[in-house]
Amino acid sequence: MAAQCVSLLVGPTISGRLIDTSGSYQGAFIFDGSSILLGGVVMAIGNLYNKIATKRSNLAETWKGTEENRH
């Protein structure tokens, strides 16, 4: 949530500065598109990490349960 708040504050400021500096909207569009793409990549990596961690946790619980049944 904090990352979203930061991006909402910083994004328009940087885009406005790019427009004022270059006189064109192209830089702002490229910046905005790349920030959206970067956010998607970060979320995909987080989702992948979460799936791997959940599988490891489930596997550890299954392994622990089979060892307890042996004793």
PDB file of N, CA and C in Angstrom:
ATOM      1  N   MET A   1       0.820  -1.181   0.000  1.00  0.00           N
ATOM      2  CA  MET A   1       0.000   0.000   0.000  1.00  0.00           C
ATOM      3  C   MET A   1       0.870   1.253   0.000  1.00  0.00           C
ATOM      4  N   ALA A   2       1.964   1.223   0.737  1.00  0.00           N
ATOM      5  CA  ALA A   2       2.849   2.377   0.781  1.00  0.00           C
ATOM      6  C   ALA A   2       3.482   2.635  -0.576  1.00  0.00           C
ATOM      7  N   ALA A   3       3.830   1.565  -1.292  1.00  0.00           N
ATOM      8  CA  ALA A   3       4.427   1.724  -2.620  1.00  0.00           C
ATOM      9  C   ALA A   3       3.435   2.379  -3.572  1.00  0.00           C
ATOM     10  N   GLN A   4       2.170   2.036  -3.442  1.00  0.00           N
ATOM     11  CA  GLN A   4       1.156   2.634  -4.294  1.00  0.00           C
ATOM     12  C   GLN A   4       1.007   4.123  -3.980  1.00  0.00           C
ATOM     13  N   CYS A   5       1.053   4.475  -2.721  1.00  0.00           N
ATOM     14  CA  CYS A   5       0.948   5.889  -2.340  1.00  0.00           C
ATOM     15  C   CYS A   5       2.130   6.696  -2.867  1.00  0.00           C
ATOM     16  N   VAL A   6       3.323   6.119  -2.773  1.00  0.00           N
ATOM     17  CA  VAL A   6       4.510   6.805  -3.273  1.00  0.00           C
ATOM     18  C   VAL A   6       4.406   7.012  -4.778  1.00  0.00           C
ATOM     19  N   SER A   7       3.964   5.962  -5.482  1.00  0.00           N
ATOM     20  CA  SER A   7       3.872   6.091  -6.938  1.00  0.00           C
ATOM     21  C   SER A   7       2.808   7.112  -7.348  1.00  0.00           C
ATOM     22  N   LEU A   8       1.739   7.206  -6.567  1.00  0.00           N
ATOM     23  CA  LEU A   8       0.711   8.202  -6.880  1.00  0.00           C
ATOM     24  C   LEU A   8       1.203   9.628  -6.654  1.00  0.00           C
ATOM     25  N   LEU A   9       2.126   9.799  -5.734  1.00  0.00           N
ATOM     26  CA  LEU A   9       2.680  11.132  -5.487  1.00  0.00           C
ATOM     27  C   LEU A   9       3.801  11.477  -6.453  1.00  0.00           C
ATOM     28  N   VAL A  10       4.647  10.513  -6.766  1.00  0.00           N
ATOM     29  CA  VAL A  10       5.840  10.763  -7.575  1.00  0.00           C
ATOM     30  C   VAL A  10       5.537  10.726  -9.072  1.00  0.00           C
ATOM     31  N   GLY A  11       4.656   9.829  -9.494  1.00  0.00           N
ATOM     32  CA  GLY A  11       4.382   9.644 -10.922  1.00  0.00           C
ATOM     33  C   GLY A  11       3.961  10.906 -11.659  1.00  0.00           C
ATOM     34  N   PRO A  12       2.916  11.586 -11.216  1.00  0.00           N
ATOM     35  CA  PRO A  12       2.498  12.803 -11.910  1.00  0.00           C
ATOM     36  C   PRO A  12       3.552  13.911 -11.867  1.00  0.00           C
ATOM     37  N   THR A  13       4.307  13.966 -10.780  1.00  0.00           N
ATOM     38  CA  THR A  13       5.354  14.987 -10.675  1.00  0.00           C
ATOM     39  C   THR A  13       6.439  14.764 -11.717  1.00  0.00           C
ATOM     40  N   ILE A  14       6.897  13.535 -11.833  1.00  0.00           N
ATOM     41  CA  ILE A  14       7.939  13.227 -12.825  1.00  0.00           C
ATOM     42  C   ILE A  14       7.398  13.388 -14.237  1.00  0.00           C
ATOM     43  N   SER A  15       6.170  12.926 -14.460  1.00  0.00           N
ATOM     44  CA  SER A  15       5.579  13.079 -15.794  1.00  0.00           C
ATOM     45  C   SER A  15       5.444  14.550 -16.172  1.00  0.00           C
ATOM     46  N   GLY A  16       4.995  15.374 -15.250  1.00  0.00           N
ATOM     47  CA  GLY A  16       4.880  16.809 -15.514  1.00  0.00           C
ATOM     48  C   GLY A  16       6.223  17.449 -15.808  1.00  0.00           C
ATOM     49  N   ARG A  17       7.235  17.025 -15.065  1.00  0.00           N
ATOM     50  CA  ARG A  17       8.581  17.570 -15.298  1.00  0.00           C
ATOM     51  C   ARG A  17       9.084  17.163 -16.684  1.00  0.00           C
ATOM     52  N   LEU A  18       8.811  15.912 -17.076  1.00  0.00           N
ATOM     53  CA  LEU A  18       9.228  15.457 -18.412  1.00  0.00           C
ATOM     54  C   LEU A  18       8.520  16.246 -19.509  1.00  0.00           C
ATOM     55  N   ILE A  19       7.250  16.510 -19.308  1.00  0.00           N
ATOM     56  CA  ILE A  19       6.494  17.291 -20.304  1.00  0.00           C
ATOM     57  C   ILE A  19       7.021  18.717 -20.377  1.00  0.00           C
ATOM     58  N   ASP A  20       7.264  19.328 -19.229  1.00  0.00           N
ATOM     59  CA  ASP A  20       7.765  20.705 -19.211  1.00  0.00           C
ATOM     60  C   ASP A  20       9.158  20.803 -19.827  1.00  0.00           C
ATOM     61  N   THR A  21       9.996  19.808 -19.564  1.00  0.00           N
ATOM     62  CA  THR A  21      11.372  19.850 -20.064  1.00  0.00           C
ATOM     63  C   THR A  21      11.442  19.623 -21.564  1.00  0.00           C
ATOM     64  N   SER A  22      10.713  18.613 -22.038  1.00  0.00           N
ATOM     65  CA  SER A  22      10.840  18.245 -23.456  1.00  0.00           C
ATOM     66  C   SER A  22       9.813  18.934 -24.348  1.00  0.00           C
ATOM     67  N   GLY A  23       8.701  19.370 -23.766  1.00  0.00           N
ATOM     68  CA  GLY A  23       7.649  19.970 -24.568  1.00  0.00           C
ATOM     69  C   GLY A  23       6.816  18.944 -25.303  1.00  0.00           C
ATOM     70  N   SER A  24       7.013  17.682 -24.979  1.00  0.00           N
ATOM     71  CA  SER A  24       6.297  16.594 -25.637  1.00  0.00           C
ATOM     72  C   SER A  24       5.766  15.635 -24.579  1.00  0.00           C
ATOM     73  N   TYR A  25       4.695  14.961 -24.918  1.00  0.00           N
ATOM     74  CA  TYR A  25       4.119  13.987 -23.998  1.00  0.00           C
ATOM     75  C   TYR A  25       4.758  12.608 -24.121  1.00  0.00           C
ATOM     76  N   GLN A  26       5.609  12.411 -25.091  1.00  0.00           N
ATOM     77  CA  GLN A  26       6.190  11.093 -25.340  1.00  0.00           C
ATOM     78  C   GLN A  26       6.980  10.578 -24.129  1.00  0.00           C
ATOM     79  N   GLY A  27       7.796  11.411 -23.522  1.00  0.00           N
ATOM     80  CA  GLY A  27       8.576  10.987 -22.357  1.00  0.00           C
ATOM     81  C   GLY A  27       7.682  10.589 -21.188  1.00  0.00           C
ATOM     82  N   ALA A  28       6.609  11.338 -20.993  1.00  0.00           N
ATOM     83  CA  ALA A  28       5.673  11.018 -19.915  1.00  0.00           C
ATOM     84  C   ALA A  28       4.986   9.686 -20.172  1.00  0.00           C
ATOM     85  N   PHE A  29       4.581   9.449 -21.431  1.00  0.00           N
ATOM     86  CA  PHE A  29       3.946   8.176 -21.761  1.00  0.00           C
ATOM     87  C   PHE A  29       4.902   7.007 -21.570  1.00  0.00           C
ATOM     88  N   ILE A  30       6.148   7.186 -21.963  1.00  0.00           N
ATOM     89  CA  ILE A  30       7.141   6.117 -21.794  1.00  0.00           C
ATOM     90  C   ILE A  30       7.391   5.872 -20.307  1.00  0.00           C
ATOM     91  N   PHE A  31       7.533   6.929 -19.528  1.00  0.00           N
ATOM     92  CA  PHE A  31       7.738   6.773 -18.089  1.00  0.00           C
ATOM     93  C   PHE A  31       6.549   6.073 -17.432  1.00  0.00           C
ATOM     94  N   ASP A  32       5.340   6.514 -17.763  1.00  0.00           N
ATOM     95  CA  ASP A  32       4.150   5.919 -17.156  1.00  0.00           C
ATOM     96  C   ASP A  32       3.995   4.451 -17.540  1.00  0.00           C
ATOM     97  N   GLY A  33       4.219   4.150 -18.802  1.00  0.00           N
ATOM     98  CA  GLY A  33       4.111   2.757 -19.250  1.00  0.00           C
ATOM     99  C   GLY A  33       5.159   1.864 -18.614  1.00  0.00           C
ATOM    100  N   SER A  34       6.373   2.367 -18.502  1.00  0.00           N
ATOM    101  CA  SER A  34       7.429   1.552 -17.903  1.00  0.00           C
ATOM    102  C   SER A  34       7.202   1.360 -16.404  1.00  0.00           C
ATOM    103  N   SER A  35       6.633   2.354 -15.728  1.00  0.00           N
ATOM    104  CA  SER A  35       6.345   2.176 -14.306  1.00  0.00           C
ATOM    105  C   SER A  35       5.225   1.159 -14.098  1.00  0.00           C
ATOM    106  N   ILE A  36       4.240   1.144 -14.973  1.00  0.00           N
ATOM    107  CA  ILE A  36       3.185   0.135 -14.898  1.00  0.00           C
ATOM    108  C   ILE A  36       3.765  -1.250 -15.156  1.00  0.00           C
ATOM    109  N   LEU A  37       4.628  -1.353 -16.147  1.00  0.00           N
ATOM    110  CA  LEU A  37       5.278  -2.631 -16.462  1.00  0.00           C
ATOM    111  C   LEU A  37       6.131  -3.103 -15.286  1.00  0.00           C
ATOM    112  N   LEU A  38       6.890  -2.209 -14.696  1.00  0.00           N
ATOM    113  CA  LEU A  38       7.717  -2.565 -13.547  1.00  0.00           C
ATOM    114  C   LEU A  38       6.855  -3.040 -12.375  1.00  0.00           C
ATOM    115  N   GLY A  39       5.743  -2.378 -12.138  1.00  0.00           N
ATOM    116  CA  GLY A  39       4.832  -2.799 -11.073  1.00  0.00           C
ATOM    117  C   GLY A  39       4.276  -4.191 -11.321  1.00  0.00           C
ATOM    118  N   GLY A  40       3.948  -4.499 -12.574  1.00  0.00           N
ATOM    119  CA  GLY A  40       3.459  -5.830 -12.914  1.00  0.00           C
ATOM    120  C   GLY A  40       4.515  -6.902 -12.700  1.00  0.00           C
ATOM    121  N   VAL A  41       5.755  -6.586 -13.052  1.00  0.00           N
ATOM    122  CA  VAL A  41       6.853  -7.539 -12.855  1.00  0.00           C
ATOM    123  C   VAL A  41       7.076  -7.784 -11.364  1.00  0.00           C
ATOM    124  N   VAL A  42       7.055  -6.734 -10.574  1.00  0.00           N
ATOM    125  CA  VAL A  42       7.244  -6.885  -9.130  1.00  0.00           C
ATOM    126  C   VAL A  42       6.114  -7.725  -8.526  1.00  0.00           C
ATOM    127  N   MET A  43       4.893  -7.498  -8.956  1.00  0.00           N
ATOM    128  CA  MET A  43       3.769  -8.283  -8.444  1.00  0.00           C
ATOM    129  C   MET A  43       3.862  -9.732  -8.888  1.00  0.00           C
ATOM    130  N   ALA A  44       4.304  -9.988 -10.115  1.00  0.00           N
ATOM    131  CA  ALA A  44       4.455 -11.367 -10.593  1.00  0.00           C
ATOM    132  C   ALA A  44       5.542 -12.096  -9.804  1.00  0.00           C
ATOM    133  N   ILE A  45       6.642 -11.424  -9.531  1.00  0.00           N
ATOM    134  CA  ILE A  45       7.713 -12.033  -8.741  1.00  0.00           C
ATOM    135  C   ILE A  45       7.215 -12.314  -7.324  1.00  0.00           C
ATOM    136  N   GLY A  46       6.486 -11.400  -6.744  1.00  0.00           N
ATOM    137  CA  GLY A  46       5.924 -11.619  -5.411  1.00  0.00           C
ATOM    138  C   GLY A  46       4.955 -12.782  -5.385  1.00  0.00           C
ATOM    139  N   ASN A  47       4.130 -12.899  -6.411  1.00  0.00           N
ATOM    140  CA  ASN A  47       3.184 -14.003  -6.505  1.00  0.00           C
ATOM    141  C   ASN A  47       3.923 -15.331  -6.646  1.00  0.00           C
ATOM    142  N   LEU A  48       4.952 -15.368  -7.471  1.00  0.00           N
ATOM    143  CA  LEU A  48       5.743 -16.578  -7.654  1.00  0.00           C
ATOM    144  C   LEU A  48       6.430 -16.971  -6.346  1.00  0.00           C
ATOM    145  N   TYR A  49       6.996 -15.993  -5.652  1.00  0.00           N
ATOM    146  CA  TYR A  49       7.647 -16.256  -4.366  1.00  0.00           C
ATOM    147  C   TYR A  49       6.647 -16.817  -3.364  1.00  0.00           C
ATOM    148  N   ASN A  50       5.451 -16.254  -3.333  1.00  0.00           N
ATOM    149  CA  ASN A  50       4.413 -16.721  -2.415  1.00  0.00           C
ATOM    150  C   ASN A  50       4.017 -18.161  -2.718  1.00  0.00           C
ATOM    151  N   LYS A  51       3.874 -18.511  -3.991  1.00  0.00           N
ATOM    152  CA  LYS A  51       3.519 -19.883  -4.362  1.00  0.00           C
ATOM    153  C   LYS A  51       4.606 -20.859  -3.955  1.00  0.00           C
ATOM    154  N   ILE A  52       5.861 -20.500  -4.172  1.00  0.00           N
ATOM    155  CA  ILE A  52       6.973 -21.377  -3.806  1.00  0.00           C
ATOM    156  C   ILE A  52       7.023 -21.550  -2.291  1.00  0.00           C
ATOM    157  N   ALA A  53       6.854 -20.468  -1.548  1.00  0.00           N
ATOM    158  CA  ALA A  53       6.892 -20.543  -0.084  1.00  0.00           C
ATOM    159  C   ALA A  53       5.743 -21.397   0.446  1.00  0.00           C
ATOM    160  N   THR A  54       4.559 -21.287  -0.158  1.00  0.00           N
ATOM    161  CA  THR A  54       3.415 -22.080   0.268  1.00  0.00           C
ATOM    162  C   THR A  54       3.659 -23.555  -0.016  1.00  0.00           C
ATOM    163  N   LYS A  55       4.209 -23.874  -1.169  1.00  0.00           N
ATOM    164  CA  LYS A  55       4.503 -25.274  -1.491  1.00  0.00           C
ATOM    165  C   LYS A  55       5.521 -25.849  -0.523  1.00  0.00           C
ATOM    166  N   ARG A  56       6.565 -25.078  -0.202  1.00  0.00           N
ATOM    167  CA  ARG A  56       7.581 -25.550   0.748  1.00  0.00           C
ATOM    168  C   ARG A  56       6.968 -25.770   2.124  1.00  0.00           C
ATOM    169  N   SER A  57       6.107 -24.868   2.544  1.00  0.00           N
ATOM    170  CA  SER A  57       5.476 -24.999   3.847  1.00  0.00           C
ATOM    171  C   SER A  57       4.582 -26.231   3.892  1.00  0.00           C
ATOM    172  N   ASN A  58       3.788 -26.432   2.847  1.00  0.00           N
ATOM    173  CA  ASN A  58       2.921 -27.605   2.790  1.00  0.00           C
ATOM    174  C   ASN A  58       3.736 -28.889   2.746  1.00  0.00           C
ATOM    175  N   LEU A  59       4.836 -28.876   2.013  1.00  0.00           N
ATOM    176  CA  LEU A  59       5.689 -30.050   1.929  1.00  0.00           C
ATOM    177  C   LEU A  59       6.323 -30.350   3.277  1.00  0.00           C
ATOM    178  N   ALA A  60       6.752 -29.324   3.994  1.00  0.00           N
ATOM    179  CA  ALA A  60       7.352 -29.513   5.317  1.00  0.00           C
ATOM    180  C   ALA A  60       6.324 -30.072   6.296  1.00  0.00           C
ATOM    181  N   GLU A  61       5.089 -29.572   6.241  1.00  0.00           N
ATOM    182  CA  GLU A  61       4.039 -30.074   7.126  1.00  0.00           C
ATOM    183  C   GLU A  61       3.710 -31.529   6.802  1.00  0.00           C
ATOM    184  N   THR A  62       3.680 -31.871   5.527  1.00  0.00           N
ATOM    185  CA  THR A  62       3.410 -33.246   5.119  1.00  0.00           C
ATOM    186  C   THR A  62       4.526 -34.154   5.590  1.00  0.00           C
ATOM    187  N   TRP A  63       5.761 -33.717   5.429  1.00  0.00           N
ATOM    188  CA  TRP A  63       6.909 -34.513   5.860  1.00  0.00           C
ATOM    189  C   TRP A  63       6.888 -34.701   7.370  1.00  0.00           C
ATOM    190  N   LYS A  64       6.569 -33.654   8.113  1.00  0.00           N
ATOM    191  CA  LYS A  64       6.525 -33.721   9.563  1.00  0.00           C
ATOM    192  C   LYS A  64       5.416 -34.683  10.006  1.00  0.00           C
ATOM    193  N   GLY A  65       4.290 -34.645   9.330  1.00  0.00           N
ATOM    194  CA  GLY A  65       3.184 -35.542   9.657  1.00  0.00           C
ATOM    195  C   GLY A  65       3.523 -37.001   9.409  1.00  0.00           C
ATOM    196  N   THR A  66       4.255 -37.304   8.346  1.00  0.00           N
ATOM    197  CA  THR A  66       4.623 -38.688   8.064  1.00  0.00           C
ATOM    198  C   THR A  66       5.655 -39.194   9.047  1.00  0.00           C
ATOM    199  N   GLU A  67       6.533 -38.334   9.535  1.00  0.00           N
ATOM    200  CA  GLU A  67       7.518 -38.757  10.548  1.00  0.00           C
ATOM    201  C   GLU A  67       6.845 -39.033  11.881  1.00  0.00           C
ATOM    202  N   GLU A  68       5.845 -38.231  12.236  1.00  0.00           N
ATOM    203  CA  GLU A  68       5.138 -38.457  13.503  1.00  0.00           C
ATOM    204  C   GLU A  68       4.366 -39.761  13.462  1.00  0.00           C
ATOM    205  N   ASN A  69       3.857 -40.142  12.315  1.00  0.00           N
ATOM    206  CA  ASN A  69       3.113 -41.402  12.183  1.00  0.00           C
ATOM    207  C   ASN A  69       4.026 -42.601  12.277  1.00  0.00           C
ATOM    208  N   ARG A  70       5.288 -42.456  11.963  1.00  0.00           N
ATOM    209  CA  ARG A  70       6.238 -43.565  12.015  1.00  0.00           C
ATOM    210  C   ARG A  70       6.609 -43.937  13.440  1.00  0.00           C
ATOM    211  N   HIS A  71       6.572 -42.988  14.361  1.00  0.00           N
ATOM    212  CA  HIS A  71       7.028 -43.238  15.746  1.00  0.00           C
ATOM    213  C   HIS A  71       5.905 -43.739  16.593  1.00  0.00           C
TER     214      HIS A  71
END
